[in-house]
Amino acid sequence: MMSMLRKKCFKVNNKIKELSTRETMKRYPRVTAHVIAESLGYATPSCAARILKDAREGRKNYCEWIYSCYDRNPHRAVQDSIRNRHYHEGFITDYKRAHALVKQAINDVTEPLLGSWF
């Protein structure tokens, strides 16, 4: 999946064009929702999009969840989110609820200020 994300990147002067957090969320809403579900609701839609953006661009991420659980490596978190996507059901890992939050953040530009489930 990560190679697919990299293939979809468009290049400007032989460099991957950096997308904004909002553009990342609009381009990859389902993956953003799976990152929220994998984080057990810790990540907000913007935080999840930022994690995905940093993974796509090969940067470290200093979100508390990524820093503690993945040693600042967002690529591993996104890999786990995609790999575990079939298990994102239930109370805390509810993909449908996370996807609704991402849609709301894209359409209404409103989202939770703290964790997604709080």
N, C-alpha and C. Protein backbone atom coordinates (compact mmCIF):
# COMPACT_ATOMS: atom_id res chain seq x y z
N MET A 1 0.82 -1.19 0.00
CA MET A 1 0.00 0.00 0.00
C MET A 1 0.86 1.25 0.00
N MET A 2 1.96 1.22 0.75
CA MET A 2 2.81 2.39 0.80
C MET A 2 3.43 2.67 -0.56
N SER A 3 3.79 1.61 -1.31
CA SER A 3 4.33 1.84 -2.64
C SER A 3 3.25 2.45 -3.53
N MET A 4 1.98 2.06 -3.30
CA MET A 4 0.89 2.64 -4.06
C MET A 4 0.76 4.13 -3.73
N LEU A 5 0.94 4.48 -2.44
CA LEU A 5 0.88 5.88 -2.07
C LEU A 5 1.99 6.65 -2.76
N ARG A 6 3.16 6.08 -2.81
CA ARG A 6 4.28 6.75 -3.45
C ARG A 6 4.09 6.86 -4.96
N LYS A 7 3.49 5.84 -5.60
CA LYS A 7 3.27 5.88 -7.04
C LYS A 7 2.28 6.96 -7.41
N LYS A 8 1.31 7.23 -6.54
CA LYS A 8 0.30 8.23 -6.84
C LYS A 8 0.80 9.65 -6.64
N CYS A 9 1.97 9.80 -6.04
CA CYS A 9 2.54 11.13 -5.83
C CYS A 9 2.83 11.75 -7.18
N PHE A 10 2.62 13.03 -7.28
CA PHE A 10 3.05 13.63 -8.50
C PHE A 10 4.31 14.42 -8.22
N LYS A 11 5.18 14.48 -9.21
CA LYS A 11 6.50 15.06 -9.00
C LYS A 11 6.56 16.46 -9.57
N VAL A 12 7.29 17.31 -8.88
CA VAL A 12 7.57 18.66 -9.34
C VAL A 12 9.08 18.80 -9.30
N ASN A 13 9.70 19.04 -10.43
CA ASN A 13 11.17 19.13 -10.51
C ASN A 13 11.84 17.90 -9.92
N ASN A 14 11.34 16.71 -10.28
CA ASN A 14 11.87 15.42 -9.80
C ASN A 14 11.80 15.24 -8.30
N LYS A 15 10.95 15.98 -7.63
CA LYS A 15 10.72 15.81 -6.20
C LYS A 15 9.24 15.50 -5.99
N ILE A 16 8.95 14.74 -4.95
CA ILE A 16 7.56 14.47 -4.62
C ILE A 16 6.94 15.76 -4.13
N LYS A 17 5.81 16.13 -4.70
CA LYS A 17 5.12 17.34 -4.27
C LYS A 17 4.55 17.11 -2.88
N GLU A 18 4.83 18.01 -1.98
CA GLU A 18 4.31 17.88 -0.63
C GLU A 18 2.86 18.35 -0.62
N LEU A 19 2.01 17.50 -0.08
CA LEU A 19 0.61 17.84 0.06
C LEU A 19 0.38 18.44 1.44
N SER A 20 -0.59 19.30 1.56
CA SER A 20 -0.97 19.82 2.87
C SER A 20 -1.70 18.72 3.64
N THR A 21 -1.90 18.94 4.92
CA THR A 21 -2.63 17.97 5.73
C THR A 21 -4.04 17.78 5.18
N ARG A 22 -4.70 18.86 4.82
CA ARG A 22 -6.06 18.78 4.29
C ARG A 22 -6.08 18.04 2.94
N GLU A 23 -5.12 18.32 2.08
CA GLU A 23 -5.05 17.62 0.78
C GLU A 23 -4.81 16.12 0.98
N THR A 24 -3.97 15.78 1.96
CA THR A 24 -3.71 14.38 2.27
C THR A 24 -4.99 13.70 2.75
N MET A 25 -5.73 14.39 3.60
CA MET A 25 -6.99 13.84 4.12
C MET A 25 -7.99 13.65 2.99
N LYS A 26 -8.06 14.59 2.06
CA LYS A 26 -9.00 14.48 0.94
C LYS A 26 -8.58 13.39 -0.03
N ARG A 27 -7.29 13.22 -0.24
CA ARG A 27 -6.80 12.24 -1.20
C ARG A 27 -6.87 10.81 -0.66
N TYR A 28 -6.64 10.64 0.65
CA TYR A 28 -6.62 9.32 1.27
C TYR A 28 -7.56 9.25 2.48
N PRO A 29 -8.87 9.46 2.29
CA PRO A 29 -9.77 9.49 3.45
C PRO A 29 -9.89 8.14 4.17
N ARG A 30 -9.87 7.06 3.43
CA ARG A 30 -10.02 5.73 4.06
C ARG A 30 -8.78 5.35 4.85
N VAL A 31 -7.60 5.63 4.30
CA VAL A 31 -6.37 5.32 5.04
C VAL A 31 -6.29 6.21 6.28
N THR A 32 -6.69 7.47 6.15
CA THR A 32 -6.71 8.37 7.31
C THR A 32 -7.62 7.81 8.40
N ALA A 33 -8.79 7.30 8.00
CA ALA A 33 -9.72 6.71 8.97
C ALA A 33 -9.13 5.46 9.61
N HIS A 34 -8.42 4.66 8.85
CA HIS A 34 -7.79 3.46 9.43
C HIS A 34 -6.68 3.84 10.41
N VAL A 35 -5.98 4.92 10.16
CA VAL A 35 -4.96 5.38 11.12
C VAL A 35 -5.64 5.78 12.43
N ILE A 36 -6.78 6.46 12.34
CA ILE A 36 -7.54 6.83 13.55
C ILE A 36 -7.96 5.57 14.30
N ALA A 37 -8.50 4.60 13.58
CA ALA A 37 -8.95 3.36 14.21
C ALA A 37 -7.78 2.61 14.84
N GLU A 38 -6.65 2.57 14.15
CA GLU A 38 -5.47 1.87 14.68
C GLU A 38 -4.93 2.56 15.93
N SER A 39 -5.10 3.88 16.00
CA SER A 39 -4.62 4.63 17.17
C SER A 39 -5.58 4.51 18.35
N LEU A 40 -6.64 3.73 18.18
CA LEU A 40 -7.68 3.56 19.22
C LEU A 40 -8.36 4.88 19.54
N GLY A 41 -8.48 5.73 18.52
CA GLY A 41 -9.16 7.01 18.69
C GLY A 41 -8.29 8.12 19.20
N TYR A 42 -7.01 7.85 19.42
CA TYR A 42 -6.11 8.89 19.93
C TYR A 42 -5.94 10.00 18.90
N ALA A 43 -5.77 9.63 17.65
CA ALA A 43 -5.50 10.62 16.60
C ALA A 43 -6.79 11.28 16.12
N THR A 44 -6.75 12.57 15.96
CA THR A 44 -7.84 13.30 15.32
C THR A 44 -7.66 13.15 13.80
N PRO A 45 -8.65 13.54 13.00
CA PRO A 45 -8.46 13.44 11.55
C PRO A 45 -7.23 14.20 11.04
N SER A 46 -6.98 15.39 11.56
CA SER A 46 -5.80 16.15 11.13
C SER A 46 -4.51 15.48 11.56
N CYS A 47 -4.50 14.95 12.77
CA CYS A 47 -3.32 14.25 13.28
C CYS A 47 -3.06 13.00 12.44
N ALA A 48 -4.10 12.25 12.11
CA ALA A 48 -3.96 11.04 11.30
C ALA A 48 -3.46 11.40 9.90
N ALA A 49 -3.99 12.47 9.33
CA ALA A 49 -3.53 12.91 8.00
C ALA A 49 -2.08 13.35 8.05
N ARG A 50 -1.68 14.00 9.13
CA ARG A 50 -0.29 14.42 9.29
C ARG A 50 0.64 13.20 9.41
N ILE A 51 0.19 12.17 10.12
CA ILE A 51 0.96 10.93 10.23
C ILE A 51 1.12 10.30 8.85
N LEU A 52 0.03 10.23 8.10
CA LEU A 52 0.06 9.68 6.75
C LEU A 52 0.96 10.52 5.84
N LYS A 53 0.86 11.83 5.95
CA LYS A 53 1.69 12.75 5.16
C LYS A 53 3.16 12.54 5.45
N ASP A 54 3.52 12.44 6.72
CA ASP A 54 4.92 12.23 7.09
C ASP A 54 5.42 10.87 6.62
N ALA A 55 4.58 9.85 6.68
CA ALA A 55 4.97 8.52 6.19
C ALA A 55 5.21 8.58 4.69
N ARG A 56 4.34 9.26 3.98
CA ARG A 56 4.45 9.38 2.53
C ARG A 56 5.70 10.14 2.12
N GLU A 57 6.08 11.14 2.91
CA GLU A 57 7.23 11.98 2.58
C GLU A 57 8.52 11.51 3.24
N GLY A 58 8.44 10.41 4.00
CA GLY A 58 9.65 9.86 4.60
C GLY A 58 10.19 10.65 5.78
N ARG A 59 9.33 11.35 6.49
CA ARG A 59 9.76 12.15 7.64
C ARG A 59 9.41 11.45 8.94
N LYS A 60 10.05 11.87 10.01
CA LYS A 60 9.69 11.39 11.34
C LYS A 60 8.47 12.17 11.81
N ASN A 61 7.70 11.56 12.69
CA ASN A 61 6.52 12.21 13.25
C ASN A 61 6.65 12.21 14.76
N TYR A 62 6.35 13.32 15.38
CA TYR A 62 6.54 13.46 16.81
C TYR A 62 5.22 13.48 17.58
N CYS A 63 4.17 12.97 16.97
CA CYS A 63 2.91 12.76 17.69
C CYS A 63 3.21 11.82 18.85
N GLU A 64 2.59 12.06 19.98
CA GLU A 64 2.87 11.26 21.17
C GLU A 64 2.69 9.76 20.94
N TRP A 65 1.64 9.39 20.22
CA TRP A 65 1.37 7.98 19.93
C TRP A 65 2.48 7.37 19.07
N ILE A 66 2.86 8.08 18.01
CA ILE A 66 3.91 7.59 17.11
C ILE A 66 5.26 7.58 17.83
N TYR A 67 5.52 8.61 18.60
CA TYR A 67 6.79 8.71 19.32
C TYR A 67 6.95 7.55 20.31
N SER A 68 5.89 7.25 21.04
CA SER A 68 5.96 6.21 22.08
C SER A 68 5.91 4.80 21.52
N CYS A 69 5.01 4.56 20.59
CA CYS A 69 4.78 3.19 20.11
C CYS A 69 5.62 2.80 18.90
N TYR A 70 6.00 3.76 18.08
CA TYR A 70 6.69 3.46 16.83
C TYR A 70 8.04 4.16 16.69
N ASP A 71 8.54 4.73 17.76
CA ASP A 71 9.85 5.39 17.76
C ASP A 71 9.97 6.42 16.63
N ARG A 72 8.94 7.28 16.51
CA ARG A 72 8.89 8.40 15.56
C ARG A 72 8.78 7.95 14.10
N ASN A 73 8.49 6.67 13.84
CA ASN A 73 8.42 6.16 12.48
C ASN A 73 6.96 6.03 12.05
N PRO A 74 6.42 7.02 11.34
CA PRO A 74 5.01 6.94 10.94
C PRO A 74 4.75 5.88 9.88
N HIS A 75 5.76 5.49 9.14
CA HIS A 75 5.60 4.47 8.09
C HIS A 75 5.12 3.16 8.70
N ARG A 76 5.68 2.77 9.83
CA ARG A 76 5.26 1.53 10.50
C ARG A 76 3.83 1.63 10.99
N ALA A 77 3.45 2.80 11.49
CA ALA A 77 2.08 2.99 11.97
C ALA A 77 1.07 2.87 10.83
N VAL A 78 1.40 3.47 9.70
CA VAL A 78 0.50 3.40 8.54
C VAL A 78 0.46 1.96 8.01
N GLN A 79 1.61 1.29 7.99
CA GLN A 79 1.63 -0.12 7.58
C GLN A 79 0.72 -0.96 8.47
N ASP A 80 0.84 -0.77 9.79
CA ASP A 80 -0.01 -1.52 10.71
C ASP A 80 -1.48 -1.18 10.53
N SER A 81 -1.77 0.09 10.25
CA SER A 81 -3.15 0.52 10.04
C SER A 81 -3.76 -0.18 8.83
N ILE A 82 -2.98 -0.29 7.78
CA ILE A 82 -3.47 -0.93 6.56
C ILE A 82 -3.54 -2.45 6.76
N ARG A 83 -2.52 -3.01 7.37
CA ARG A 83 -2.45 -4.46 7.59
C ARG A 83 -3.59 -4.92 8.50
N ASN A 84 -3.94 -4.12 9.50
CA ASN A 84 -4.96 -4.51 10.49
C ASN A 84 -6.35 -3.98 10.14
N ARG A 85 -6.54 -3.49 8.93
CA ARG A 85 -7.81 -2.83 8.57
C ARG A 85 -9.03 -3.72 8.73
N HIS A 86 -8.86 -5.03 8.58
CA HIS A 86 -10.00 -5.94 8.70
C HIS A 86 -10.43 -6.13 10.16
N TYR A 87 -9.61 -5.69 11.09
CA TYR A 87 -9.94 -5.81 12.51
C TYR A 87 -10.46 -4.50 13.10
N HIS A 88 -10.64 -3.48 12.28
CA HIS A 88 -11.08 -2.18 12.78
C HIS A 88 -12.61 -2.14 12.92
N GLU A 89 -13.08 -2.93 13.86
CA GLU A 89 -14.51 -2.98 14.20
C GLU A 89 -14.60 -2.99 15.71
N GLY A 90 -15.71 -2.57 16.21
CA GLY A 90 -15.90 -2.61 17.66
C GLY A 90 -15.87 -1.23 18.27
N PHE A 91 -15.79 -1.22 19.57
CA PHE A 91 -15.96 0.03 20.32
C PHE A 91 -14.88 1.06 20.03
N ILE A 92 -13.64 0.72 20.25
CA ILE A 92 -12.58 1.72 20.13
C ILE A 92 -11.95 1.74 18.74
N THR A 93 -11.96 0.66 18.04
CA THR A 93 -11.33 0.60 16.72
C THR A 93 -12.36 0.65 15.60
N ASP A 94 -13.41 1.41 15.76
CA ASP A 94 -14.52 1.44 14.80
C ASP A 94 -14.17 2.26 13.56
N TYR A 95 -13.93 1.59 12.46
CA TYR A 95 -13.58 2.25 11.20
C TYR A 95 -14.72 3.14 10.70
N LYS A 96 -15.95 2.66 10.79
CA LYS A 96 -17.08 3.44 10.27
C LYS A 96 -17.19 4.79 10.98
N ARG A 97 -17.00 4.77 12.27
CA ARG A 97 -17.06 6.03 13.03
C ARG A 97 -15.88 6.93 12.66
N ALA A 98 -14.71 6.34 12.50
CA ALA A 98 -13.52 7.12 12.12
C ALA A 98 -13.70 7.72 10.72
N HIS A 99 -14.26 6.94 9.81
CA HIS A 99 -14.48 7.44 8.45
C HIS A 99 -15.50 8.58 8.45
N ALA A 100 -16.51 8.49 9.29
CA ALA A 100 -17.48 9.58 9.41
C ALA A 100 -16.81 10.85 9.92
N LEU A 101 -15.88 10.70 10.86
CA LEU A 101 -15.14 11.86 11.37
C LEU A 101 -14.28 12.50 10.28
N VAL A 102 -13.65 11.67 9.47
CA VAL A 102 -12.82 12.19 8.38
C VAL A 102 -13.69 12.91 7.36
N LYS A 103 -14.83 12.33 7.00
CA LYS A 103 -15.75 12.99 6.07
C LYS A 103 -16.20 14.34 6.61
N GLN A 104 -16.53 14.36 7.91
CA GLN A 104 -16.96 15.61 8.54
C GLN A 104 -15.83 16.64 8.52
N ALA A 105 -14.62 16.21 8.78
CA ALA A 105 -13.48 17.13 8.77
C ALA A 105 -13.23 17.67 7.36
N ILE A 106 -13.44 16.85 6.35
CA ILE A 106 -13.25 17.31 4.97
C ILE A 106 -14.35 18.26 4.55
N ASN A 107 -15.61 17.91 4.85
CA ASN A 107 -16.75 18.70 4.38
C ASN A 107 -17.02 19.94 5.23
N ASP A 108 -17.03 19.77 6.54
CA ASP A 108 -17.42 20.86 7.43
C ASP A 108 -16.24 21.59 8.05
N VAL A 109 -15.07 21.07 7.89
CA VAL A 109 -13.84 21.60 8.49
C VAL A 109 -13.96 21.65 10.02
N THR A 110 -14.76 20.76 10.60
CA THR A 110 -14.84 20.66 12.04
C THR A 110 -14.40 19.26 12.44
N GLU A 111 -13.70 19.20 13.54
CA GLU A 111 -13.24 17.92 14.04
C GLU A 111 -12.96 18.05 15.52
N PRO A 112 -12.83 16.95 16.23
CA PRO A 112 -12.56 17.01 17.66
C PRO A 112 -11.21 17.67 17.92
N LEU A 113 -11.13 18.39 19.02
CA LEU A 113 -9.86 19.02 19.39
C LEU A 113 -8.93 18.05 20.10
N LEU A 114 -9.52 17.10 20.81
CA LEU A 114 -8.72 16.09 21.50
C LEU A 114 -8.85 14.79 20.74
N GLY A 115 -8.71 13.68 21.39
CA GLY A 115 -8.84 12.39 20.73
C GLY A 115 -10.21 12.22 20.10
N SER A 116 -10.29 11.42 19.07
CA SER A 116 -11.51 11.29 18.29
C SER A 116 -12.70 10.73 19.04
N TRP A 117 -12.49 9.85 20.00
CA TRP A 117 -13.61 9.22 20.70
C TRP A 117 -14.00 9.95 21.97
N PHE A 118 -13.26 10.96 22.37
CA PHE A 118 -13.54 11.61 23.66
C PHE A 118 -14.69 12.59 23.56
